């Protein structure tokens, strides 16, 4: 059974942890997913629901916008 990929939820605030100088492409996902071959050029951090752990993900920076809280 393939391991389920966990990613930040849409419309949820995240912290930009690092902007990467070079990008990698996500080749592990199925070609039918929206993130197939996206440039992973930013590390974002989000807290788990219990707010005890900070999880970091490599993401495409084009998917994010400034938070206007």
PDB file of N, CA and C in Angstrom:
ATOM      1  N   UNK A   1       0.852  -1.180   0.000  1.00  0.00           N
ATOM      2  CA  UNK A   1       0.000   0.000   0.000  1.00  0.00           C
ATOM      3  C   UNK A   1       0.898   1.244   0.000  1.00  0.00           C
ATOM      4  N   UNK A   2       0.691   2.190  -0.920  1.00  0.00           N
ATOM      5  CA  UNK A   2       1.550   3.376  -0.966  1.00  0.00           C
ATOM      6  C   UNK A   2       1.330   4.265   0.253  1.00  0.00           C
ATOM      7  N   UNK A   3       2.416   4.906   0.666  1.00  0.00           N
ATOM      8  CA  UNK A   3       2.344   5.827   1.797  1.00  0.00           C
ATOM      9  C   UNK A   3       1.585   7.077   1.387  1.00  0.00           C
ATOM     10  N   UNK A   4       0.638   7.514   2.218  1.00  0.00           N
ATOM     11  CA  UNK A   4      -0.159   8.700   1.903  1.00  0.00           C
ATOM     12  C   UNK A   4       0.683   9.955   2.080  1.00  0.00           C
ATOM     13  N   UNK A   5       0.631  10.836   1.111  1.00  0.00           N
ATOM     14  CA  UNK A   5       1.367  12.100   1.163  1.00  0.00           C
ATOM     15  C   UNK A   5       0.547  13.124   1.942  1.00  0.00           C
ATOM     16  N   UNK A   6       1.156  13.731   2.935  1.00  0.00           N
ATOM     17  CA  UNK A   6       0.495  14.762   3.725  1.00  0.00           C
ATOM     18  C   UNK A   6       0.972  16.114   3.211  1.00  0.00           C
ATOM     19  N   UNK A   7       0.049  17.009   2.956  1.00  0.00           N
ATOM     20  CA  UNK A   7       0.397  18.356   2.509  1.00  0.00           C
ATOM     21  C   UNK A   7      -0.463  19.367   3.253  1.00  0.00           C
ATOM     22  N   UNK A   8      -0.042  20.633   3.278  1.00  0.00           N
ATOM     23  CA  UNK A   8      -0.845  21.648   3.951  1.00  0.00           C
ATOM     24  C   UNK A   8      -2.224  21.785   3.309  1.00  0.00           C
ATOM     25  N   UNK A   9      -3.230  22.037   4.137  1.00  0.00           N
ATOM     26  CA  UNK A   9      -4.601  22.208   3.643  1.00  0.00           C
ATOM     27  C   UNK A   9      -4.737  23.535   2.911  1.00  0.00           C
ATOM     28  N   UNK A  10      -5.587  23.547   1.909  1.00  0.00           N
ATOM     29  CA  UNK A  10      -5.855  24.766   1.153  1.00  0.00           C
ATOM     30  C   UNK A  10      -6.486  25.815   2.062  1.00  0.00           C
ATOM     31  N   UNK A  11      -6.168  27.074   1.830  1.00  0.00           N
ATOM     32  CA  UNK A  11      -6.696  28.212   2.588  1.00  0.00           C
ATOM     33  C   UNK A  11      -6.273  28.214   4.060  1.00  0.00           C
ATOM     34  N   UNK A  12      -5.214  27.505   4.391  1.00  0.00           N
ATOM     35  CA  UNK A  12      -4.693  27.484   5.754  1.00  0.00           C
ATOM     36  C   UNK A  12      -3.402  28.288   5.784  1.00  0.00           C
ATOM     37  N   UNK A  13      -3.209  29.065   6.832  1.00  0.00           N
ATOM     38  CA  UNK A  13      -1.998  29.877   6.946  1.00  0.00           C
ATOM     39  C   UNK A  13      -0.768  28.984   7.113  1.00  0.00           C
ATOM     40  N   UNK A  14       0.322  29.390   6.476  1.00  0.00           N
ATOM     41  CA  UNK A  14       1.590  28.677   6.573  1.00  0.00           C
ATOM     42  C   UNK A  14       2.697  29.715   6.733  1.00  0.00           C
ATOM     43  N   UNK A  15       3.824  29.284   7.249  1.00  0.00           N
ATOM     44  CA  UNK A  15       4.975  30.162   7.428  1.00  0.00           C
ATOM     45  C   UNK A  15       6.006  29.820   6.351  1.00  0.00           C
ATOM     46  N   UNK A  16       6.467  30.830   5.623  1.00  0.00           N
ATOM     47  CA  UNK A  16       7.546  30.602   4.660  1.00  0.00           C
ATOM     48  C   UNK A  16       8.836  30.434   5.456  1.00  0.00           C
ATOM     49  N   UNK A  17       9.361  29.233   5.464  1.00  0.00           N
ATOM     50  CA  UNK A  17      10.563  28.920   6.231  1.00  0.00           C
ATOM     51  C   UNK A  17      11.832  29.224   5.431  1.00  0.00           C
ATOM     52  N   UNK A  18      11.776  28.973   4.116  1.00  0.00           N
ATOM     53  CA  UNK A  18      12.963  29.160   3.281  1.00  0.00           C
ATOM     54  C   UNK A  18      12.548  29.249   1.817  1.00  0.00           C
ATOM     55  N   UNK A  19      13.162  30.180   1.090  1.00  0.00           N
ATOM     56  CA  UNK A  19      13.012  30.242  -0.366  1.00  0.00           C
ATOM     57  C   UNK A  19      14.257  29.589  -0.940  1.00  0.00           C
ATOM     58  N   UNK A  20      14.082  28.530  -1.691  1.00  0.00           N
ATOM     59  CA  UNK A  20      15.202  27.750  -2.195  1.00  0.00           C
ATOM     60  C   UNK A  20      15.791  28.389  -3.455  1.00  0.00           C
ATOM     61  N   UNK A  21      17.108  28.338  -3.578  1.00  0.00           N
ATOM     62  CA  UNK A  21      17.792  28.929  -4.737  1.00  0.00           C
ATOM     63  C   UNK A  21      17.571  28.105  -5.994  1.00  0.00           C
ATOM     64  N   UNK A  22      17.433  26.801  -5.844  1.00  0.00           N
ATOM     65  CA  UNK A  22      17.143  25.946  -6.992  1.00  0.00           C
ATOM     66  C   UNK A  22      15.944  25.082  -6.634  1.00  0.00           C
ATOM     67  N   UNK A  23      15.186  24.707  -7.643  1.00  0.00           N
ATOM     68  CA  UNK A  23      13.978  23.927  -7.385  1.00  0.00           C
ATOM     69  C   UNK A  23      14.176  22.482  -7.804  1.00  0.00           C
ATOM     70  N   UNK A  24      13.359  21.626  -7.206  1.00  0.00           N
ATOM     71  CA  UNK A  24      13.274  20.228  -7.603  1.00  0.00           C
ATOM     72  C   UNK A  24      11.864  20.022  -8.129  1.00  0.00           C
ATOM     73  N   UNK A  25      11.666  19.001  -8.911  1.00  0.00           N
ATOM     74  CA  UNK A  25      10.318  18.677  -9.380  1.00  0.00           C
ATOM     75  C   UNK A  25       9.811  17.469  -8.627  1.00  0.00           C
ATOM     76  N   UNK A  26       8.533  17.478  -8.283  1.00  0.00           N
ATOM     77  CA  UNK A  26       7.908  16.362  -7.587  1.00  0.00           C
ATOM     78  C   UNK A  26       7.586  15.275  -8.597  1.00  0.00           C
ATOM     79  N   UNK A  27       8.433  14.276  -8.685  1.00  0.00           N
ATOM     80  CA  UNK A  27       8.246  13.191  -9.644  1.00  0.00           C
ATOM     81  C   UNK A  27       7.610  11.969  -8.989  1.00  0.00           C
ATOM     82  N   UNK A  28       7.395  11.998  -7.682  1.00  0.00           N
ATOM     83  CA  UNK A  28       6.858  10.857  -6.961  1.00  0.00           C
ATOM     84  C   UNK A  28       5.358  10.725  -7.117  1.00  0.00           C
ATOM     85  N   UNK A  29       4.679  11.793  -7.403  1.00  0.00           N
ATOM     86  CA  UNK A  29       3.222  11.773  -7.476  1.00  0.00           C
ATOM     87  C   UNK A  29       2.743  11.310  -8.843  1.00  0.00           C
ATOM     88  N   UNK A  30       1.518  10.899  -8.881  1.00  0.00           N
ATOM     89  CA  UNK A  30       0.855  10.458 -10.112  1.00  0.00           C
ATOM     90  C   UNK A  30       0.674  11.652 -11.052  1.00  0.00           C
ATOM     91  N   UNK A  31       0.767  11.428 -12.340  1.00  0.00           N
ATOM     92  CA  UNK A  31       0.631  12.515 -13.310  1.00  0.00           C
ATOM     93  C   UNK A  31      -0.761  13.124 -13.314  1.00  0.00           C
ATOM     94  N   UNK A  32      -1.732  12.505 -12.649  1.00  0.00           N
ATOM     95  CA  UNK A  32      -3.089  13.038 -12.575  1.00  0.00           C
ATOM     96  C   UNK A  32      -3.295  14.013 -11.424  1.00  0.00           C
ATOM     97  N   UNK A  33      -2.284  14.249 -10.599  1.00  0.00           N
ATOM     98  CA  UNK A  33      -2.425  15.161  -9.475  1.00  0.00           C
ATOM     99  C   UNK A  33      -2.027  16.576  -9.893  1.00  0.00           C
ATOM    100  N   UNK A  34      -2.603  17.607  -9.247  1.00  0.00           N
ATOM    101  CA  UNK A  34      -2.298  18.991  -9.622  1.00  0.00           C
ATOM    102  C   UNK A  34      -0.834  19.385  -9.412  1.00  0.00           C
ATOM    103  N   UNK A  35      -0.127  18.690  -8.525  1.00  0.00           N
ATOM    104  CA  UNK A  35       1.251  19.090  -8.233  1.00  0.00           C
ATOM    105  C   UNK A  35       2.302  18.311  -9.025  1.00  0.00           C
ATOM    106  N   UNK A  36       1.892  17.487  -9.981  1.00  0.00           N
ATOM    107  CA  UNK A  36       2.861  16.706 -10.754  1.00  0.00           C
ATOM    108  C   UNK A  36       3.810  17.626 -11.505  1.00  0.00           C
ATOM    109  N   UNK A  37       5.088  17.420 -11.318  1.00  0.00           N
ATOM    110  CA  UNK A  37       6.180  18.175 -11.946  1.00  0.00           C
ATOM    111  C   UNK A  37       6.191  19.670 -11.617  1.00  0.00           C
ATOM    112  N   UNK A  38       5.566  20.071 -10.529  1.00  0.00           N
ATOM    113  CA  UNK A  38       5.667  21.469 -10.106  1.00  0.00           C
ATOM    114  C   UNK A  38       7.061  21.717  -9.545  1.00  0.00           C
ATOM    115  N   UNK A  39       7.585  22.926  -9.715  1.00  0.00           N
ATOM    116  CA  UNK A  39       8.885  23.229  -9.107  1.00  0.00           C
ATOM    117  C   UNK A  39       8.708  23.411  -7.602  1.00  0.00           C
ATOM    118  N   UNK A  40       9.424  22.624  -6.827  1.00  0.00           N
ATOM    119  CA  UNK A  40       9.358  22.731  -5.374  1.00  0.00           C
ATOM    120  C   UNK A  40      10.466  23.692  -4.947  1.00  0.00           C
ATOM    121  N   UNK A  41      10.111  24.955  -4.752  1.00  0.00           N
ATOM    122  CA  UNK A  41      11.130  25.988  -4.548  1.00  0.00           C
ATOM    123  C   UNK A  41      10.945  26.799  -3.269  1.00  0.00           C
ATOM    124  N   UNK A  42      10.083  26.330  -2.364  1.00  0.00           N
ATOM    125  CA  UNK A  42       9.882  27.019  -1.093  1.00  0.00           C
ATOM    126  C   UNK A  42       9.573  25.978  -0.025  1.00  0.00           C
ATOM    127  N   UNK A  43      10.118  26.198   1.168  1.00  0.00           N
ATOM    128  CA  UNK A  43       9.792  25.344   2.310  1.00  0.00           C
ATOM    129  C   UNK A  43       8.794  26.109   3.161  1.00  0.00           C
ATOM    130  N   UNK A  44       7.641  25.499   3.422  1.00  0.00           N
ATOM    131  CA  UNK A  44       6.620  26.121   4.269  1.00  0.00           C
ATOM    132  C   UNK A  44       6.434  25.272   5.518  1.00  0.00           C
ATOM    133  N   UNK A  45       6.059  25.936   6.599  1.00  0.00           N
ATOM    134  CA  UNK A  45       5.790  25.250   7.852  1.00  0.00           C
ATOM    135  C   UNK A  45       4.354  25.469   8.275  1.00  0.00           C
ATOM    136  N   UNK A  46       3.708  24.412   8.747  1.00  0.00           N
ATOM    137  CA  UNK A  46       2.356  24.484   9.294  1.00  0.00           C
ATOM    138  C   UNK A  46       2.328  23.667  10.578  1.00  0.00           C
ATOM    139  N   UNK A  47       1.429  24.027  11.479  1.00  0.00           N
ATOM    140  CA  UNK A  47       1.291  23.252  12.709  1.00  0.00           C
ATOM    141  C   UNK A  47       0.238  22.173  12.513  1.00  0.00           C
ATOM    142  N   UNK A  48       0.413  21.071  13.239  1.00  0.00           N
ATOM    143  CA  UNK A  48      -0.604  20.029  13.251  1.00  0.00           C
ATOM    144  C   UNK A  48      -1.824  20.562  13.983  1.00  0.00           C
ATOM    145  N   UNK A  49      -2.941  19.853  13.893  1.00  0.00           N
ATOM    146  CA  UNK A  49      -4.166  20.313  14.542  1.00  0.00           C
ATOM    147  C   UNK A  49      -3.980  20.491  16.047  1.00  0.00           C
ATOM    148  N   UNK A  50      -3.187  19.642  16.681  1.00  0.00           N
ATOM    149  CA  UNK A  50      -2.965  19.766  18.119  1.00  0.00           C
ATOM    150  C   UNK A  50      -1.956  20.867  18.457  1.00  0.00           C
ATOM    151  N   UNK A  51      -1.375  21.486  17.405  1.00  0.00           N
ATOM    152  CA  UNK A  51      -0.443  22.618  17.516  1.00  0.00           C
ATOM    153  C   UNK A  51       0.822  22.307  18.306  1.00  0.00           C
ATOM    154  N   UNK A  52       1.159  21.020  18.406  1.00  0.00           N
ATOM    155  CA  UNK A  52       2.371  20.636  19.122  1.00  0.00           C
ATOM    156  C   UNK A  52       3.568  20.462  18.191  1.00  0.00           C
ATOM    157  N   UNK A  53       3.322  20.170  16.927  1.00  0.00           N
ATOM    158  CA  UNK A  53       4.417  19.906  15.998  1.00  0.00           C
ATOM    159  C   UNK A  53       4.345  20.840  14.804  1.00  0.00           C
ATOM    160  N   UNK A  54       5.501  21.300  14.359  1.00  0.00           N
ATOM    161  CA  UNK A  54       5.608  22.092  13.145  1.00  0.00           C
ATOM    162  C   UNK A  54       6.043  21.151  12.027  1.00  0.00           C
ATOM    163  N   UNK A  55       5.241  21.061  10.983  1.00  0.00           N
ATOM    164  CA  UNK A  55       5.557  20.213   9.836  1.00  0.00           C
ATOM    165  C   UNK A  55       6.035  21.089   8.692  1.00  0.00           C
ATOM    166  N   UNK A  56       7.101  20.683   8.013  1.00  0.00           N
ATOM    167  CA  UNK A  56       7.651  21.454   6.902  1.00  0.00           C
ATOM    168  C   UNK A  56       7.491  20.678   5.597  1.00  0.00           C
ATOM    169  N   UNK A  57       7.174  21.423   4.531  1.00  0.00           N
ATOM    170  CA  UNK A  57       6.938  20.829   3.221  1.00  0.00           C
ATOM    171  C   UNK A  57       7.629  21.662   2.157  1.00  0.00           C
ATOM    172  N   UNK A  58       8.125  20.998   1.108  1.00  0.00           N
ATOM    173  CA  UNK A  58       8.607  21.707  -0.076  1.00  0.00           C
ATOM    174  C   UNK A  58       7.420  21.902  -0.989  1.00  0.00           C
ATOM    175  N   UNK A  59       7.193  23.138  -1.401  1.00  0.00           N
ATOM    176  CA  UNK A  59       6.011  23.469  -2.197  1.00  0.00           C
ATOM    177  C   UNK A  59       6.399  24.405  -3.340  1.00  0.00           C
ATOM    178  N   UNK A  60       5.477  24.593  -4.261  1.00  0.00           N
ATOM    179  CA  UNK A  60       5.622  25.550  -5.357  1.00  0.00           C
ATOM    180  C   UNK A  60       5.179  26.914  -4.820  1.00  0.00           C
ATOM    181  N   UNK A  61       6.078  27.889  -4.807  1.00  0.00           N
ATOM    182  CA  UNK A  61       5.754  29.193  -4.208  1.00  0.00           C
ATOM    183  C   UNK A  61       4.619  29.915  -4.940  1.00  0.00           C
ATOM    184  N   UNK A  62       4.339  29.533  -6.176  1.00  0.00           N
ATOM    185  CA  UNK A  62       3.246  30.167  -6.922  1.00  0.00           C
ATOM    186  C   UNK A  62       1.874  29.832  -6.334  1.00  0.00           C
ATOM    187  N   UNK A  63       1.784  28.816  -5.504  1.00  0.00           N
ATOM    188  CA  UNK A  63       0.514  28.403  -4.904  1.00  0.00           C
ATOM    189  C   UNK A  63       0.160  29.226  -3.660  1.00  0.00           C
ATOM    190  N   UNK A  64       1.031  30.131  -3.248  1.00  0.00           N
ATOM    191  CA  UNK A  64       0.827  30.867  -2.008  1.00  0.00           C
ATOM    192  C   UNK A  64       0.657  32.353  -2.270  1.00  0.00           C
ATOM    193  N   UNK A  65      -0.007  33.014  -1.341  1.00  0.00           N
ATOM    194  CA  UNK A  65      -0.166  34.465  -1.398  1.00  0.00           C
ATOM    195  C   UNK A  65       0.025  35.008   0.024  1.00  0.00           C
ATOM    196  N   UNK A  66       0.360  36.280   0.176  1.00  0.00           N
ATOM    197  CA  UNK A  66       0.554  36.853   1.508  1.00  0.00           C
ATOM    198  C   UNK A  66      -0.721  36.719   2.351  1.00  0.00           C
ATOM    199  N   UNK A  67      -0.532  36.476   3.625  1.00  0.00           N
ATOM    200  CA  UNK A  67      -1.651  36.342   4.560  1.00  0.00           C
ATOM    201  C   UNK A  67      -2.090  37.726   5.018  1.00  0.00           C
ATOM    202  N   UNK A  68      -3.380  37.977   4.903  1.00  0.00           N
ATOM    203  CA  UNK A  68      -3.937  39.255   5.339  1.00  0.00           C
ATOM    204  C   UNK A  68      -4.904  38.970   6.479  1.00  0.00           C
ATOM    205  N   UNK A  69      -4.313  38.725   7.660  1.00  0.00           N
ATOM    206  CA  UNK A  69      -5.040  38.195   8.780  1.00  0.00           C
ATOM    207  C   UNK A  69      -5.945  39.039   9.511  1.00  0.00           C
TER     208      UNK A  69
END
